């Protein structure tokens, strides 16, 4: 495992050579004299505290985690806005719900995860709510089976309670 991690880190450092050199140039222009670590490490190692928006269960276990790293969880949602439930909203209380999203960086290509998952769950007795990462829903872009709904943004919760008011506040 350590060998694979070391190889990954070396490859990442090589890919970030230009970004690291640019950051070194900018820092030198501000009067810094010390050499920066690889830019992906510098952002965590240089500040007194680095607040990461995640929880330990989402991270690989690290015995070498920097002292400055703090896993602080998610930011609280903003204040509620005027919201109208979609026409299929009553279906949430009629069967189990599977919340599906591509991820954060890869939302540009929904064929990586969303489409295969929609296909795989098409015959299951569940309601699949596929969040498209804020993307506009384009007709024909996805094959959406009858037990699925594509939405621009999925709920922030993956376990949807039967109480629709609680769900409404979470979306």
Protein backbone atom coordinates (compact mmCIF):
# COMPACT_ATOMS: atom_id res chain seq x y z
CA UNK A 1 0.00 0.00 0.00
CA UNK A 2 2.76 2.45 0.91
CA UNK A 3 4.56 1.69 -2.36
CA UNK A 4 1.43 2.49 -4.37
CA UNK A 5 0.88 5.68 -2.38
CA UNK A 6 4.50 6.75 -2.92
CA UNK A 7 4.21 6.08 -6.66
CA UNK A 8 0.96 8.08 -6.82
CA UNK A 9 2.51 10.98 -4.90
CA UNK A 10 5.55 11.01 -7.21
CA UNK A 11 3.31 11.02 -10.31
CA UNK A 12 1.16 13.81 -8.86
CA UNK A 13 4.25 15.87 -8.00
CA UNK A 14 5.48 15.46 -11.59
CA UNK A 15 2.11 16.58 -12.96
CA UNK A 16 2.10 19.62 -10.66
CA UNK A 17 5.65 20.75 -11.43
CA UNK A 18 4.44 23.79 -13.37
CA UNK A 19 1.91 24.83 -10.73
CA UNK A 20 4.46 24.38 -7.96
CA UNK A 21 7.05 26.45 -9.88
CA UNK A 22 4.48 29.21 -10.45
CA UNK A 23 3.56 29.26 -6.74
CA UNK A 24 7.27 29.39 -5.86
CA UNK A 25 7.70 32.37 -8.21
CA UNK A 26 4.72 34.19 -6.68
CA UNK A 27 5.94 33.51 -3.14
CA UNK A 28 9.46 34.72 -4.05
CA UNK A 29 7.91 37.92 -5.38
CA UNK A 30 6.37 38.40 -1.94
CA UNK A 31 9.75 37.94 -0.26
CA UNK A 32 9.63 34.24 0.69
CA UNK A 33 12.97 32.46 0.52
CA UNK A 34 12.11 28.89 1.53
CA UNK A 35 11.37 26.28 -1.12
CA UNK A 36 7.74 25.22 -1.33
CA UNK A 37 6.70 21.58 -1.18
CA UNK A 38 4.59 20.26 -4.05
CA UNK A 39 1.63 22.67 -4.37
CA UNK A 40 -0.91 20.00 -3.37
CA UNK A 41 1.02 19.47 -0.11
CA UNK A 42 1.80 23.16 0.42
CA UNK A 43 -1.85 24.10 0.77
CA UNK A 44 -2.13 21.76 3.77
CA UNK A 45 1.38 22.00 5.27
CA UNK A 46 2.00 25.75 5.21
CA UNK A 47 -1.00 27.24 7.06
CA UNK A 48 -1.30 26.97 10.82
CA UNK A 49 -4.65 25.23 10.35
CA UNK A 50 -6.14 23.64 7.22
CA UNK A 51 -9.91 23.11 7.56
CA UNK A 52 -11.06 20.33 5.22
CA UNK A 53 -14.81 20.08 4.50
CA UNK A 54 -15.13 16.34 5.12
CA UNK A 55 -15.37 13.74 7.86
CA UNK A 56 -12.86 11.00 8.77
CA UNK A 57 -14.99 8.21 7.27
CA UNK A 58 -14.59 9.80 3.78
CA UNK A 59 -10.79 9.91 4.02
CA UNK A 60 -8.13 7.25 3.64
CA UNK A 61 -6.63 6.46 7.03
CA UNK A 62 -3.34 8.37 7.37
CA UNK A 63 -0.78 7.92 10.08
CA UNK A 64 1.16 10.82 8.57
CA UNK A 65 -1.65 13.39 8.50
CA UNK A 66 -0.24 16.86 9.20
CA UNK A 67 -0.95 18.37 12.61
CA UNK A 68 -2.60 21.36 10.92
CA UNK A 69 -5.27 19.23 9.19
CA UNK A 70 -8.75 19.49 10.70
CA UNK A 71 -11.69 17.54 9.26
CA UNK A 72 -14.62 19.82 10.02
CA UNK A 73 -17.58 18.18 8.27
CA UNK A 74 -19.94 19.95 5.89
CA UNK A 75 -21.00 23.57 6.00
CA UNK A 76 -24.55 24.06 7.23
CA UNK A 77 -27.12 24.70 4.52
CA UNK A 78 -28.09 28.27 3.77
CA UNK A 79 -31.43 29.70 4.74
CA UNK A 80 -34.42 28.09 3.04
CA UNK A 81 -35.74 29.66 -0.12
CA UNK A 82 -39.16 29.50 -1.69
CA UNK A 83 -39.49 25.96 -2.91
CA UNK A 84 -42.15 24.04 -4.82
CA UNK A 85 -41.99 20.25 -4.70
CA UNK A 86 -41.85 18.49 -8.06
CA UNK A 87 -44.90 16.59 -9.30
CA UNK A 88 -43.32 13.26 -8.31
CA UNK A 89 -42.71 14.35 -4.69
CA UNK A 90 -45.45 12.10 -3.21
CA UNK A 91 -43.57 9.07 -4.57
CA UNK A 92 -40.85 9.60 -1.95
CA UNK A 93 -43.05 8.09 0.73
CA UNK A 94 -44.24 5.17 -1.42
CA UNK A 95 -40.99 3.20 -1.75
CA UNK A 96 -37.32 3.17 -0.86
CA UNK A 97 -35.32 6.01 -2.37
CA UNK A 98 -31.82 5.80 -3.86
CA UNK A 99 -30.07 9.16 -4.17
CA UNK A 100 -27.58 9.13 -7.02
CA UNK A 101 -24.96 11.66 -8.08
CA UNK A 102 -21.86 11.53 -10.28
CA UNK A 103 -19.63 13.39 -7.86
CA UNK A 104 -18.27 16.88 -7.68
CA UNK A 105 -15.58 17.13 -10.33
CA UNK A 106 -16.90 14.61 -12.84
CA UNK A 107 -20.39 16.01 -13.44
CA UNK A 108 -19.43 16.85 -17.03
CA UNK A 109 -19.76 13.19 -18.12
CA UNK A 110 -22.81 11.47 -16.66
CA UNK A 111 -21.96 8.22 -18.48
CA UNK A 112 -19.25 7.44 -15.90
CA UNK A 113 -21.61 6.63 -13.05
CA UNK A 114 -25.12 8.05 -13.38
CA UNK A 115 -26.16 6.28 -16.58
CA UNK A 116 -24.79 2.83 -15.58
CA UNK A 117 -26.44 3.15 -12.16
CA UNK A 118 -29.77 4.19 -13.71
CA UNK A 119 -29.55 1.18 -16.04
CA UNK A 120 -28.65 -1.20 -13.20
CA UNK A 121 -31.48 0.00 -10.95
CA UNK A 122 -34.14 0.17 -13.68
CA UNK A 123 -35.89 -3.04 -12.62
CA UNK A 124 -35.55 -2.56 -8.85
CA UNK A 125 -38.46 -1.58 -6.61
CA UNK A 126 -36.90 1.76 -5.66
CA UNK A 127 -37.26 5.39 -6.66
CA UNK A 128 -33.93 6.66 -7.98
CA UNK A 129 -33.37 10.41 -7.66
CA UNK A 130 -30.39 11.28 -9.86
CA UNK A 131 -28.83 14.64 -9.11
CA UNK A 132 -27.05 16.17 -12.09
CA UNK A 133 -24.73 18.43 -10.09
CA UNK A 134 -26.60 21.62 -10.89
CA UNK A 135 -26.55 20.95 -14.62
CA UNK A 136 -29.57 21.76 -16.67
CA UNK A 137 -31.58 18.69 -17.60
CA UNK A 138 -31.17 18.14 -21.35
CA UNK A 139 -33.76 15.96 -23.06
CA UNK A 140 -32.23 12.77 -24.42
CA UNK A 141 -28.93 13.15 -22.57
CA UNK A 142 -29.79 10.31 -20.19
CA UNK A 143 -31.93 7.21 -20.47
CA UNK A 144 -34.11 7.69 -17.40
CA UNK A 145 -36.12 4.57 -16.52
CA UNK A 146 -39.68 4.82 -15.21
CA UNK A 147 -38.53 4.37 -11.60
CA UNK A 148 -36.09 7.30 -11.76
CA UNK A 149 -36.23 11.07 -11.70
CA UNK A 150 -33.42 13.32 -12.95
CA UNK A 151 -33.08 16.58 -11.03
CA UNK A 152 -30.62 19.44 -11.30
CA UNK A 153 -29.68 18.99 -7.64
CA UNK A 154 -30.35 16.00 -5.42
CA UNK A 155 -31.30 16.25 -1.79
CA UNK A 156 -28.48 16.78 0.66
CA UNK A 157 -29.53 13.63 2.49
CA UNK A 158 -29.18 10.15 1.10
CA UNK A 159 -31.58 8.64 3.62
CA UNK A 160 -34.91 10.26 2.90
CA UNK A 161 -37.32 10.16 5.84
CA UNK A 162 -41.00 9.57 5.19
CA UNK A 163 -41.81 12.97 6.69
CA UNK A 164 -41.92 15.21 3.60
CA UNK A 165 -41.46 18.40 5.66
CA UNK A 166 -38.10 17.13 6.95
CA UNK A 167 -37.07 16.25 3.41
CA UNK A 168 -38.20 19.63 2.10
CA UNK A 169 -35.90 21.41 4.52
CA UNK A 170 -32.99 19.14 3.53
CA UNK A 171 -33.24 19.84 -0.21
